[in-house]
Amino acid sequence: MNTLKTFVKKELSGWKAWEVIRLIAACSVITGVSIYLNDTVMGIISSTTGVACVVCAATA
């Protein structure tokens, strides 16, 4: 668990607070909508990682 925390901290070290909040909010919204629409686990994983990819690419 400690190595995961260190990894995330290093990856997000150059980001502003609003960029991290935007990433968390986007992933939370897409996960919530997917659960509400009774999507499969694979669909939830795919949509969440897709949204995270778009947000990370927009931030770079």
N, C-alpha and C. Protein backbone atom coordinates (compact mmCIF):
# COMPACT_ATOMS: atom_id res chain seq x y z
N MET A 1 0.83 -1.19 0.00
CA MET A 1 0.00 0.00 0.00
C MET A 1 0.87 1.25 0.00
N ASN A 2 1.98 1.20 0.72
CA ASN A 2 2.86 2.34 0.80
C ASN A 2 3.48 2.66 -0.55
N THR A 3 3.83 1.63 -1.34
CA THR A 3 4.42 1.87 -2.65
C THR A 3 3.41 2.48 -3.61
N LEU A 4 2.14 2.09 -3.51
CA LEU A 4 1.10 2.67 -4.35
C LEU A 4 0.91 4.15 -4.01
N LYS A 5 0.91 4.46 -2.73
CA LYS A 5 0.77 5.84 -2.29
C LYS A 5 1.94 6.69 -2.79
N THR A 6 3.13 6.15 -2.72
CA THR A 6 4.32 6.85 -3.21
C THR A 6 4.24 7.05 -4.71
N PHE A 7 3.80 6.02 -5.44
CA PHE A 7 3.68 6.12 -6.89
C PHE A 7 2.70 7.21 -7.30
N VAL A 8 1.54 7.23 -6.68
CA VAL A 8 0.52 8.23 -7.01
C VAL A 8 1.03 9.63 -6.68
N LYS A 9 1.68 9.77 -5.55
CA LYS A 9 2.21 11.07 -5.14
C LYS A 9 3.24 11.58 -6.13
N LYS A 10 4.12 10.69 -6.62
CA LYS A 10 5.13 11.08 -7.60
C LYS A 10 4.50 11.45 -8.94
N GLU A 11 3.48 10.70 -9.35
CA GLU A 11 2.83 10.95 -10.63
C GLU A 11 2.08 12.28 -10.65
N LEU A 12 1.48 12.63 -9.54
CA LEU A 12 0.67 13.86 -9.48
C LEU A 12 1.43 15.05 -8.92
N SER A 13 2.74 14.93 -8.76
CA SER A 13 3.52 15.98 -8.11
C SER A 13 3.51 17.30 -8.88
N GLY A 14 3.46 17.28 -10.19
CA GLY A 14 3.48 18.50 -10.98
C GLY A 14 2.10 19.07 -11.29
N TRP A 15 1.06 18.43 -10.81
CA TRP A 15 -0.30 18.85 -11.12
C TRP A 15 -0.79 19.91 -10.14
N LYS A 16 -1.67 20.76 -10.61
CA LYS A 16 -2.34 21.71 -9.73
C LYS A 16 -3.50 21.00 -9.05
N ALA A 17 -3.98 21.59 -7.96
CA ALA A 17 -5.05 20.95 -7.18
C ALA A 17 -6.32 20.79 -8.01
N TRP A 18 -6.67 21.79 -8.82
CA TRP A 18 -7.91 21.70 -9.60
C TRP A 18 -7.82 20.62 -10.67
N GLU A 19 -6.61 20.31 -11.15
CA GLU A 19 -6.46 19.25 -12.14
C GLU A 19 -6.72 17.88 -11.50
N VAL A 20 -6.24 17.69 -10.30
CA VAL A 20 -6.48 16.43 -9.58
C VAL A 20 -7.96 16.31 -9.25
N ILE A 21 -8.58 17.41 -8.81
CA ILE A 21 -10.01 17.39 -8.49
C ILE A 21 -10.83 17.08 -9.74
N ARG A 22 -10.44 17.66 -10.87
CA ARG A 22 -11.17 17.40 -12.12
C ARG A 22 -11.06 15.93 -12.53
N LEU A 23 -9.89 15.33 -12.35
CA LEU A 23 -9.71 13.91 -12.69
C LEU A 23 -10.57 13.04 -11.78
N ILE A 24 -10.54 13.30 -10.49
CA ILE A 24 -11.33 12.51 -9.54
C ILE A 24 -12.82 12.69 -9.80
N ALA A 25 -13.25 13.92 -10.07
CA ALA A 25 -14.66 14.19 -10.32
C ALA A 25 -15.14 13.49 -11.60
N ALA A 26 -14.34 13.56 -12.66
CA ALA A 26 -14.74 12.94 -13.92
C ALA A 26 -14.86 11.42 -13.77
N CYS A 27 -13.90 10.82 -13.09
CA CYS A 27 -13.95 9.36 -12.89
C CYS A 27 -15.11 8.98 -11.98
N SER A 28 -15.39 9.80 -10.97
CA SER A 28 -16.51 9.51 -10.07
C SER A 28 -17.84 9.60 -10.79
N VAL A 29 -18.00 10.63 -11.61
CA VAL A 29 -19.26 10.80 -12.34
C VAL A 29 -19.48 9.65 -13.31
N ILE A 30 -18.47 9.28 -14.08
CA ILE A 30 -18.65 8.21 -15.06
C ILE A 30 -18.89 6.88 -14.37
N THR A 31 -18.26 6.65 -13.22
CA THR A 31 -18.51 5.42 -12.47
C THR A 31 -19.93 5.40 -11.93
N GLY A 32 -20.38 6.52 -11.39
CA GLY A 32 -21.75 6.60 -10.86
C GLY A 32 -22.80 6.39 -11.94
N VAL A 33 -22.60 7.02 -13.09
CA VAL A 33 -23.56 6.85 -14.19
C VAL A 33 -23.56 5.41 -14.69
N SER A 34 -22.39 4.81 -14.77
CA SER A 34 -22.30 3.42 -15.24
C SER A 34 -23.01 2.47 -14.27
N ILE A 35 -22.84 2.70 -12.98
CA ILE A 35 -23.52 1.86 -11.99
C ILE A 35 -25.03 2.08 -12.07
N TYR A 36 -25.45 3.34 -12.22
CA TYR A 36 -26.87 3.66 -12.31
C TYR A 36 -27.52 2.99 -13.52
N LEU A 37 -26.78 2.90 -14.62
CA LEU A 37 -27.30 2.29 -15.85
C LEU A 37 -27.08 0.78 -15.90
N ASN A 38 -26.66 0.18 -14.79
CA ASN A 38 -26.44 -1.26 -14.68
C ASN A 38 -25.45 -1.79 -15.73
N ASP A 39 -24.36 -1.08 -15.90
CA ASP A 39 -23.33 -1.50 -16.84
C ASP A 39 -22.55 -2.67 -16.24
N THR A 40 -21.85 -3.41 -17.08
CA THR A 40 -21.04 -4.53 -16.60
C THR A 40 -19.76 -3.99 -15.96
N VAL A 41 -19.06 -4.85 -15.24
CA VAL A 41 -17.81 -4.45 -14.61
C VAL A 41 -16.80 -4.03 -15.67
N MET A 42 -16.74 -4.77 -16.76
CA MET A 42 -15.82 -4.44 -17.84
C MET A 42 -16.17 -3.09 -18.46
N GLY A 43 -17.44 -2.81 -18.58
CA GLY A 43 -17.87 -1.52 -19.12
C GLY A 43 -17.49 -0.37 -18.19
N ILE A 44 -17.63 -0.58 -16.89
CA ILE A 44 -17.27 0.45 -15.92
C ILE A 44 -15.76 0.70 -15.95
N ILE A 45 -14.98 -0.36 -16.00
CA ILE A 45 -13.52 -0.20 -16.07
C ILE A 45 -13.12 0.50 -17.36
N SER A 46 -13.70 0.10 -18.46
CA SER A 46 -13.36 0.70 -19.76
C SER A 46 -13.72 2.17 -19.82
N SER A 47 -14.90 2.51 -19.36
CA SER A 47 -15.32 3.91 -19.42
C SER A 47 -14.52 4.78 -18.46
N THR A 48 -14.22 4.27 -17.29
CA THR A 48 -13.45 5.04 -16.31
C THR A 48 -12.02 5.28 -16.80
N THR A 49 -11.38 4.25 -17.32
CA THR A 49 -10.02 4.44 -17.82
C THR A 49 -10.00 5.31 -19.07
N GLY A 50 -11.03 5.23 -19.87
CA GLY A 50 -11.12 6.10 -21.05
C GLY A 50 -11.25 7.56 -20.66
N VAL A 51 -12.09 7.84 -19.69
CA VAL A 51 -12.25 9.22 -19.22
C VAL A 51 -10.95 9.71 -18.57
N ALA A 52 -10.30 8.85 -17.78
CA ALA A 52 -9.04 9.24 -17.16
C ALA A 52 -7.98 9.54 -18.21
N CYS A 53 -7.96 8.78 -19.29
CA CYS A 53 -7.01 9.01 -20.38
C CYS A 53 -7.25 10.36 -21.03
N VAL A 54 -8.50 10.69 -21.28
CA VAL A 54 -8.83 11.97 -21.92
C VAL A 54 -8.47 13.14 -21.00
N VAL A 55 -8.78 13.02 -19.72
CA VAL A 55 -8.46 14.09 -18.77
C VAL A 55 -6.95 14.26 -18.65
N CYS A 56 -6.22 13.16 -18.57
CA CYS A 56 -4.76 13.24 -18.47
C CYS A 56 -4.15 13.83 -19.74
N ALA A 57 -4.68 13.49 -20.89
CA ALA A 57 -4.16 14.04 -22.14
C ALA A 57 -4.48 15.53 -22.25
N ALA A 58 -5.62 15.94 -21.75
CA ALA A 58 -5.99 17.36 -21.80
C ALA A 58 -5.14 18.18 -20.83
N THR A 59 -4.70 17.57 -19.75
CA THR A 59 -3.92 18.26 -18.74
C THR A 59 -2.47 18.43 -19.17
N ALA A 60 -1.99 17.49 -19.98
CA ALA A 60 -0.56 17.52 -20.36
C ALA A 60 -0.21 18.66 -21.24
